[in-house]
C-alpha atoms as a PDB file:
ATOM      1  CA  MET A   1      -8.700   6.449 -23.253  1.00  0.00           C
ATOM      2  CA  GLY A   2      -8.431   9.036 -25.666  1.00  0.00           C
ATOM      3  CA  LEU A   3     -10.096  11.826 -24.008  1.00  0.00           C
ATOM      4  CA  SER A   4      -8.906  15.080 -23.066  1.00  0.00           C
ATOM      5  CA  ALA A   5      -9.486  16.447 -19.252  1.00  0.00           C
ATOM      6  CA  MET A   6      -9.596  19.889 -17.943  1.00  0.00           C
ATOM      7  CA  PHE A   7      -7.276  20.706 -14.905  1.00  0.00           C
ATOM      8  CA  CYS A   8      -8.302  23.809 -12.625  1.00  0.00           C
ATOM      9  CA  SER A   9      -6.059  25.482 -10.142  1.00  0.00           C
ATOM     10  CA  ARG A  10      -6.961  28.596  -8.232  1.00  0.00           C
ATOM     11  CA  VAL A  11      -5.668  30.883 -11.016  1.00  0.00           C
ATOM     12  CA  ARG A  12      -6.707  29.346 -14.317  1.00  0.00           C
ATOM     13  CA  CYS A  13      -7.909  26.088 -16.171  1.00  0.00           C
ATOM     14  CA  ARG A  14      -6.497  24.333 -18.875  1.00  0.00           C
ATOM     15  CA  VAL A  15      -7.413  21.689 -21.290  1.00  0.00           C
ATOM     16  CA  VAL A  16      -4.630  18.740 -21.459  1.00  0.00           C
ATOM     17  CA  SER A  17      -4.763  16.468 -24.502  1.00  0.00           C
ATOM     18  CA  GLU A  18      -2.913  13.459 -22.896  1.00  0.00           C
ATOM     19  CA  PRO A  19      -4.951  10.170 -22.789  1.00  0.00           C
ATOM     20  CA  VAL A  20      -7.125  10.014 -19.584  1.00  0.00           C
ATOM     21  CA  PRO A  21      -7.892   6.499 -18.576  1.00  0.00           C
ATOM     22  CA  ALA A  22     -11.399   5.195 -18.830  1.00  0.00           C
ATOM     23  CA  ALA A  23     -13.360   4.466 -15.563  1.00  0.00           C
ATOM     24  CA  SER A  24     -12.870   1.213 -14.090  1.00  0.00           C
ATOM     25  CA  THR A  25     -14.196  -0.751 -11.061  1.00  0.00           C
ATOM     26  CA  SER A  26     -13.398  -3.466  -8.615  1.00  0.00           C
ATOM     27  CA  GLY A  27     -16.135  -5.313  -7.143  1.00  0.00           C
ATOM     28  CA  ALA A  28     -15.779  -7.235  -3.583  1.00  0.00           C
ATOM     29  CA  GLY A  29     -13.401 -10.110  -3.994  1.00  0.00           C
ATOM     30  CA  GLU A  30     -12.033  -8.665  -7.129  1.00  0.00           C
ATOM     31  CA  GLY A  31      -8.353  -7.493  -8.022  1.00  0.00           C
ATOM     32  CA  GLU A  32      -4.974  -9.391  -8.212  1.00  0.00           C
ATOM     33  CA  GLN A  33      -4.387 -11.311  -4.972  1.00  0.00           C
ATOM     34  CA  LEU A  34      -0.807 -11.875  -3.826  1.00  0.00           C
ATOM     35  CA  TRP A  35       0.995 -13.361  -0.959  1.00  0.00           C
ATOM     36  CA  PHE A  36       3.322 -10.702   0.147  1.00  0.00           C
ATOM     37  CA  LEU A  37       5.548 -11.170   3.387  1.00  0.00           C
ATOM     38  CA  GLY A  38       2.877 -12.992   5.446  1.00  0.00           C
ATOM     39  CA  THR A  39      -0.026 -10.725   4.251  1.00  0.00           C
ATOM     40  CA  LEU A  40      -2.850 -11.116   1.557  1.00  0.00           C
ATOM     41  CA  ALA A  41      -2.310  -8.028  -0.737  1.00  0.00           C
ATOM     42  CA  THR A  42      -5.080  -7.458  -3.426  1.00  0.00           C
ATOM     43  CA  ILE A  43      -4.385  -4.918  -6.062  1.00  0.00           C
ATOM     44  CA  ARG A  44      -7.712  -3.249  -6.391  1.00  0.00           C
ATOM     45  CA  VAL A  45      -6.786  -0.538  -8.707  1.00  0.00           C
ATOM     46  CA  ALA A  46      -3.220  -0.729 -10.349  1.00  0.00           C
ATOM     47  CA  GLY A  47      -1.342   2.329 -11.425  1.00  0.00           C
ATOM     48  CA  PRO A  48      -2.016   1.768 -15.504  1.00  0.00           C
ATOM     49  CA  ALA A  49      -5.606   2.197 -14.730  1.00  0.00           C
ATOM     50  CA  THR A  50      -5.173   5.960 -13.458  1.00  0.00           C
ATOM     51  CA  ALA A  51      -2.211   6.933 -15.684  1.00  0.00           C
ATOM     52  CA  GLY A  52       0.169   6.324 -12.713  1.00  0.00           C
ATOM     53  CA  ARG A  53      -1.614   8.844 -10.307  1.00  0.00           C
ATOM     54  CA  PHE A  54      -2.443   6.209  -7.766  1.00  0.00           C
ATOM     55  CA  ALA A  55      -2.739   2.770  -6.747  1.00  0.00           C
ATOM     56  CA  LEU A  56      -5.325   1.023  -4.102  1.00  0.00           C
ATOM     57  CA  ILE A  57      -4.406  -2.010  -2.697  1.00  0.00           C
ATOM     58  CA  GLU A  58      -6.310  -3.845  -0.026  1.00  0.00           C
ATOM     59  CA  PHE A  59      -4.253  -5.779   2.645  1.00  0.00           C
ATOM     60  CA  LEU A  60      -5.244  -8.583   5.010  1.00  0.00           C
ATOM     61  CA  PHE A  61      -2.524  -8.419   7.748  1.00  0.00           C
ATOM     62  CA  PRO A  62      -1.954 -10.889  10.763  1.00  0.00           C
ATOM     63  CA  ARG A  63      -1.660  -9.824  14.362  1.00  0.00           C
ATOM     64  CA  HIS A  64       1.640  -8.090  15.071  1.00  0.00           C
ATOM     65  CA  ALA A  65       2.477  -7.504  11.401  1.00  0.00           C
ATOM     66  CA  SER A  66       4.935  -4.618  11.158  1.00  0.00           C
ATOM     67  CA  PRO A  67       7.194  -3.570   8.399  1.00  0.00           C
ATOM     68  CA  PRO A  68      10.613  -2.078   9.232  1.00  0.00           C
ATOM     69  CA  LEU A  69      10.593   1.832   9.720  1.00  0.00           C
ATOM     70  CA  HIS A  70      11.127   3.024   5.863  1.00  0.00           C
ATOM     71  CA  THR A  71      10.513   5.957   3.678  1.00  0.00           C
ATOM     72  CA  HIS A  72       9.427   5.606  -0.071  1.00  0.00           C
ATOM     73  CA  PRO A  73       8.531   7.914  -2.863  1.00  0.00           C
ATOM     74  CA  GLN A  74       4.601   7.671  -2.332  1.00  0.00           C
ATOM     75  CA  ASP A  75       2.300   9.246   0.037  1.00  0.00           C
ATOM     76  CA  GLU A  76       0.406   6.504   1.778  1.00  0.00           C
ATOM     77  CA  SER A  77      -2.937   6.807   2.877  1.00  0.00           C
ATOM     78  CA  TYR A  78      -4.903   3.954   5.263  1.00  0.00           C
ATOM     79  CA  ILE A  79      -8.395   3.396   5.687  1.00  0.00           C
ATOM     80  CA  VAL A  80      -8.941   0.543   8.156  1.00  0.00           C
ATOM     81  CA  LEU A  81     -11.805  -1.515   7.347  1.00  0.00           C
ATOM     82  CA  GLU A  82     -11.393  -3.908  10.245  1.00  0.00           C
ATOM     83  CA  GLY A  83      -9.074  -4.218  13.056  1.00  0.00           C
ATOM     84  CA  ARG A  84      -6.634  -1.874  14.938  1.00  0.00           C
ATOM     85  CA  LEU A  85      -3.129  -0.211  13.937  1.00  0.00           C
ATOM     86  CA  THR A  86      -0.625   1.626  15.684  1.00  0.00           C
ATOM     87  CA  VAL A  87       1.065   3.841  13.117  1.00  0.00           C
ATOM     88  CA  GLN A  88       4.387   5.647  13.894  1.00  0.00           C
ATOM     89  CA  ALA A  89       5.135   8.663  11.351  1.00  0.00           C
ATOM     90  CA  GLY A  90       8.026  10.870  11.987  1.00  0.00           C
ATOM     91  CA  GLY A  91       7.830  12.001  15.594  1.00  0.00           C
ATOM     92  CA  GLN A  92       3.930  11.177  15.776  1.00  0.00           C
ATOM     93  CA  ARG A  93       2.336   7.711  17.089  1.00  0.00           C
ATOM     94  CA  PHE A  94      -1.496   7.194  16.277  1.00  0.00           C
ATOM     95  CA  ARG A  95      -3.984   4.593  16.600  1.00  0.00           C
ATOM     96  CA  LEU A  96      -6.462   3.761  13.873  1.00  0.00           C
ATOM     97  CA  GLU A  97      -9.433   1.604  14.317  1.00  0.00           C
ATOM     98  CA  ALA A  98     -12.004   0.440  11.891  1.00  0.00           C
ATOM     99  CA  GLY A  99     -13.522   3.398  10.202  1.00  0.00           C
ATOM    100  CA  ALA A 100     -10.585   5.601  10.363  1.00  0.00           C
ATOM    101  CA  ALA A 101      -8.039   7.114   8.234  1.00  0.00           C
ATOM    102  CA  GLY A 102      -4.521   8.175   8.124  1.00  0.00           C
ATOM    103  CA  VAL A 103      -2.139   9.664   5.759  1.00  0.00           C
ATOM    104  CA  VAL A 104       1.638   9.543   5.735  1.00  0.00           C
ATOM    105  CA  PRO A 105       3.485  11.941   3.256  1.00  0.00           C
ATOM    106  CA  MET A 106       6.132  10.638   1.150  1.00  0.00           C
ATOM    107  CA  GLY A 107       9.726  10.733   2.332  1.00  0.00           C
ATOM    108  CA  VAL A 108       8.372  10.583   5.940  1.00  0.00           C
ATOM    109  CA  ALA A 109       9.691   7.597   7.947  1.00  0.00           C
ATOM    110  CA  HIS A 110       7.163   5.395   8.898  1.00  0.00           C
ATOM    111  CA  THR A 111       5.844   1.829  10.138  1.00  0.00           C
ATOM    112  CA  PHE A 112       2.802   0.432  11.759  1.00  0.00           C
ATOM    113  CA  ARG A 113       1.770  -2.572  13.748  1.00  0.00           C
ATOM    114  CA  VAL A 114      -1.565  -4.487  13.778  1.00  0.00           C
ATOM    115  CA  ASP A 115      -2.819  -4.583  17.226  1.00  0.00           C
ATOM    116  CA  SER A 116      -5.752  -6.715  16.609  1.00  0.00           C
ATOM    117  CA  GLU A 117      -6.071 -10.340  15.477  1.00  0.00           C
ATOM    118  CA  THR A 118      -6.159  -9.450  12.045  1.00  0.00           C
ATOM    119  CA  ALA A 119      -6.552  -6.125  10.104  1.00  0.00           C
ATOM    120  CA  ARG A 120      -8.199  -5.310   6.741  1.00  0.00           C
ATOM    121  CA  VAL A 121      -6.904  -2.102   5.325  1.00  0.00           C
ATOM    122  CA  LEU A 122      -7.240  -0.083   2.068  1.00  0.00           C
ATOM    123  CA  VAL A 123      -3.884   1.630   1.261  1.00  0.00           C
ATOM    124  CA  LEU A 124      -3.840   4.337  -1.352  1.00  0.00           C
ATOM    125  CA  SER A 125      -0.282   4.886  -2.981  1.00  0.00           C
ATOM    126  CA  THR A 126      -0.076   8.464  -4.425  1.00  0.00           C
ATOM    127  CA  PRO A 127       1.396   8.257  -7.163  1.00  0.00           C
ATOM    128  CA  ALA A 128       1.241   4.685  -8.107  1.00  0.00           C
ATOM    129  CA  GLY A 129       4.430   2.209  -7.547  1.00  0.00           C
ATOM    130  CA  LEU A 130       3.854   0.561  -4.424  1.00  0.00           C
ATOM    131  CA  GLU A 131       1.535  -1.954  -6.064  1.00  0.00           C
ATOM    132  CA  ARG A 132       4.639  -2.792  -8.455  1.00  0.00           C
ATOM    133  CA  MET A 133       6.941  -3.340  -5.291  1.00  0.00           C
ATOM    134  CA  ILE A 134       4.363  -5.541  -3.884  1.00  0.00           C
ATOM    135  CA  ARG A 135       4.181  -7.692  -7.093  1.00  0.00           C
ATOM    136  CA  ASP A 136       7.972  -8.201  -7.346  1.00  0.00           C
ATOM    137  CA  GLY A 137       8.113  -9.624  -3.618  1.00  0.00           C
ATOM    138  CA  SER A 138       5.017 -11.845  -3.804  1.00  0.00           C
ATOM    139  CA  ILE A 139       3.497 -15.007  -5.091  1.00  0.00           C
ATOM    140  CA  PRO A 140       0.229 -15.318  -6.511  1.00  0.00           C
ATOM    141  CA  ALA A 141      -2.348 -15.969  -3.568  1.00  0.00           C
ATOM    142  CA  GLY A 142      -3.608 -19.663  -3.704  1.00  0.00           C
ATOM    143  CA  ALA A 143      -6.684 -18.415  -1.643  1.00  0.00           C
ATOM    144  CA  PRO A 144      -8.136 -14.985  -0.527  1.00  0.00           C
ATOM    145  CA  THR A 145      -6.498 -15.846   3.108  1.00  0.00           C
ATOM    146  CA  LEU A 146      -3.426 -14.996   4.723  1.00  0.00           C
ATOM    147  CA  PRO A 147      -0.758 -17.128   3.402  1.00  0.00           C
ATOM    148  CA  PRO A 148       0.218 -20.473   5.096  1.00  0.00           C
ATOM    149  CA  SER A 149       3.446 -20.349   7.146  1.00  0.00           C
ATOM    150  CA  ASP A 150       5.362 -22.271   4.747  1.00  0.00           C
ATOM    151  CA  THR A 151       4.802 -19.842   1.763  1.00  0.00           C
ATOM    152  CA  PRO A 152       7.969 -19.179   0.073  1.00  0.00           C
ATOM    153  CA  ARG A 153       9.375 -15.640   0.777  1.00  0.00           C
ATOM    154  CA  PRO A 154      12.335 -13.640  -1.139  1.00  0.00           C
ATOM    155  CA  THR A 155      15.475 -13.942   0.825  1.00  0.00           C
ATOM    156  CA  PRO A 156      16.570 -10.740   2.729  1.00  0.00           C
ATOM    157  CA  GLU A 157      19.124 -10.015  -0.376  1.00  0.00           C
ATOM    158  CA  GLN A 158      16.267 -10.198  -2.761  1.00  0.00           C
ATOM    159  CA  LEU A 159      13.890  -8.166  -0.627  1.00  0.00           C
ATOM    160  CA  GLU A 160      16.606  -5.360  -0.204  1.00  0.00           C
ATOM    161  CA  SER A 161      17.210  -5.496  -4.068  1.00  0.00           C
ATOM    162  CA  ILE A 162      13.334  -5.094  -4.506  1.00  0.00           C
ATOM    163  CA  PHE A 163      13.043  -2.285  -2.014  1.00  0.00           C
ATOM    164  CA  ARG A 164      15.909  -0.528  -3.656  1.00  0.00           C
ATOM    165  CA  ALA A 165      14.608  -0.842  -7.164  1.00  0.00           C
ATOM    166  CA  HIS A 166      11.335   0.919  -5.840  1.00  0.00           C
ATOM    167  CA  GLY A 167      12.746   3.505  -3.919  1.00  0.00           C
ATOM    168  CA  GLN A 168      12.132   1.975  -0.473  1.00  0.00           C
ATOM    169  CA  VAL A 169      14.840   2.938   2.112  1.00  0.00           C
ATOM    170  CA  ASN A 170      14.456   0.832   5.349  1.00  0.00           C
ATOM    171  CA  LEU A 171      15.641   2.863   8.102  1.00  0.00           C
ATOM    172  CA  GLY A 172      14.924   0.689  11.336  1.00  0.00           C
ATOM    173  CA  PRO A 173      13.231  -2.123  12.950  1.00  0.00           C
ATOM    174  CA  PRO A 174       9.390  -2.642  12.965  1.00  0.00           C
ATOM    175  CA  LEU A 175       7.167  -1.809  15.811  1.00  0.00           C
ATOM    176  CA  THR A 176       7.148  -4.963  18.206  1.00  0.00           C
ATOM    177  CA  PRO A 177       4.265  -5.720  20.699  1.00  0.00           C
ATOM    178  CA  GLY A 178       5.939  -3.740  23.559  1.00  0.00           C
ATOM    179  CA  ASP A 179       6.618  -0.545  21.695  1.00  0.00           C
END
């Protein structure tokens, strides 16, 4: 920290004297591992490392995992490392397989469903913030695996409070295998 940065637009460049975060890395298997609603979430780059510009989270999802249809105040970019997803965003529905990427702009109602046995997905939250919601609804992972079926979860009331505190608005049900 403590460096200046130059930002350029099409019209002009300007020097910003705000602190710029230092470079950081996250190696394979590194990061804060959390069990979040039946998934393994690994926070690879947290918001403070980027001055809040983005966060990078790696998820391991089980078959048929699907959040409710929702919106939140971050763009969400997906890079599928392993497995297959069906993504619904606004009026679009598309499939993402290993090696594919997709972007859902902030405020667009979206959900997804895991169509493979598991899926490993990098999620880029722009700006940061999604990782804070995940922390608030998680417990530390006991192993770098999907959580056991008896892993404690927040109550529906606690979840609604967590979502509301982080700007997530649930609008409808998750995708089911028949959707």
